[in-house]
């Protein structure tokens, strides 16, 4: 499980760092407007919010990739022991 978490967080972190660099190279945080009003936020605050926003998008993307990369065995396996499975379960006597 820890390995999968790192499969999600580390690439997302790297993409967030690159995206933050590119985005804030093109746009100055002191010139941001929201709903017709100037945002009173420091550059460092904007960089921080931007980084975590990009990281969140990267985490979503990586999570979806890891979720879709599961094998059929992982998707279809039963987590209950054979004796603990309910009546009528098609895997009542099956292994795994």
Protein backbone atom coordinates (compact mmCIF):
# COMPACT_ATOMS: atom_id res chain seq x y z
CA UNK A 1 0.00 0.00 0.00
CA UNK A 2 2.82 2.42 0.84
CA UNK A 3 4.37 1.73 -2.54
CA UNK A 4 1.14 2.66 -4.33
CA UNK A 5 0.85 5.85 -2.32
CA UNK A 6 4.33 6.82 -3.48
CA UNK A 7 3.37 5.90 -7.08
CA UNK A 8 0.69 8.58 -6.73
CA UNK A 9 2.40 11.29 -4.67
CA UNK A 10 5.90 11.43 -6.14
CA UNK A 11 5.03 11.93 -9.84
CA UNK A 12 2.30 14.38 -8.82
CA UNK A 13 4.86 16.34 -6.78
CA UNK A 14 7.26 16.53 -9.72
CA UNK A 15 4.52 17.66 -12.11
CA UNK A 16 3.30 20.26 -9.59
CA UNK A 17 6.80 21.70 -9.26
CA UNK A 18 7.17 21.98 -13.04
CA UNK A 19 3.64 23.34 -13.55
CA UNK A 20 4.12 25.95 -10.82
CA UNK A 21 7.35 27.09 -12.43
CA UNK A 22 5.83 27.38 -15.89
CA UNK A 23 2.55 28.97 -14.73
CA UNK A 24 4.16 31.64 -12.56
CA UNK A 25 6.77 32.37 -15.21
CA UNK A 26 3.89 33.43 -17.46
CA UNK A 27 1.57 35.09 -14.92
CA UNK A 28 2.37 37.54 -12.12
CA UNK A 29 0.40 36.77 -8.93
CA UNK A 30 0.21 40.50 -8.12
CA UNK A 31 -1.99 41.01 -11.19
CA UNK A 32 -4.66 38.37 -10.44
CA UNK A 33 -8.31 39.40 -10.41
CA UNK A 34 -11.23 37.35 -9.10
CA UNK A 35 -14.86 38.34 -9.73
CA UNK A 36 -13.80 41.84 -10.75
CA UNK A 37 -11.73 42.50 -7.61
CA UNK A 38 -7.97 42.57 -7.24
CA UNK A 39 -6.65 39.72 -5.07
CA UNK A 40 -4.67 40.96 -2.10
CA UNK A 41 -2.30 38.03 -1.71
CA UNK A 42 1.46 37.93 -1.47
CA UNK A 43 3.52 36.32 -4.19
CA UNK A 44 4.67 33.59 -1.81
CA UNK A 45 1.06 32.88 -0.82
CA UNK A 46 0.04 32.64 -4.48
CA UNK A 47 2.97 30.32 -5.24
CA UNK A 48 2.00 28.10 -2.29
CA UNK A 49 -1.67 27.93 -3.25
CA UNK A 50 -0.72 27.32 -6.88
CA UNK A 51 1.70 24.53 -6.00
CA UNK A 52 -0.82 22.70 -3.83
CA UNK A 53 -3.52 23.21 -6.46
CA UNK A 54 -1.31 21.70 -9.16
CA UNK A 55 -0.30 18.92 -6.77
CA UNK A 56 -3.96 18.12 -6.15
CA UNK A 57 -4.62 17.85 -9.88
CA UNK A 58 -1.55 15.61 -10.25
CA UNK A 59 -2.67 13.41 -7.35
CA UNK A 60 -6.09 13.00 -8.98
CA UNK A 61 -4.51 12.01 -12.28
CA UNK A 62 -2.02 9.58 -10.73
CA UNK A 63 -4.69 8.05 -8.49
CA UNK A 64 -6.89 7.35 -11.48
CA UNK A 65 -3.94 5.73 -13.30
CA UNK A 66 -3.12 3.48 -10.33
CA UNK A 67 -6.80 2.59 -9.89
CA UNK A 68 -7.18 1.62 -13.56
CA UNK A 69 -3.92 -0.38 -13.57
CA UNK A 70 -5.22 -2.98 -11.09
CA UNK A 71 -5.10 -6.57 -12.28
CA UNK A 72 -8.28 -8.66 -12.71
CA UNK A 73 -7.19 -10.74 -9.71
CA UNK A 74 -7.08 -7.64 -7.48
CA UNK A 75 -10.50 -6.48 -8.68
CA UNK A 76 -12.27 -9.82 -8.40
CA UNK A 77 -10.72 -11.34 -5.28
CA UNK A 78 -12.84 -11.91 -2.22
CA UNK A 79 -11.44 -10.46 1.01
CA UNK A 80 -13.33 -12.91 3.24
CA UNK A 81 -12.07 -16.36 4.18
CA UNK A 82 -14.02 -19.21 2.54
CA UNK A 83 -15.76 -20.16 5.83
CA UNK A 84 -16.84 -16.55 6.49
CA UNK A 85 -18.50 -15.99 3.11
CA UNK A 86 -22.30 -15.61 3.11
CA UNK A 87 -24.69 -18.30 1.91
CA UNK A 88 -25.10 -18.32 -1.86
CA UNK A 89 -21.73 -16.71 -2.51
CA UNK A 90 -20.38 -18.12 -5.81
CA UNK A 91 -16.93 -18.25 -4.24
CA UNK A 92 -18.09 -20.14 -1.14
CA UNK A 93 -15.65 -23.01 -1.60
CA UNK A 94 -13.15 -21.28 -3.89
CA UNK A 95 -9.64 -20.43 -2.81
CA UNK A 96 -8.43 -16.79 -2.64
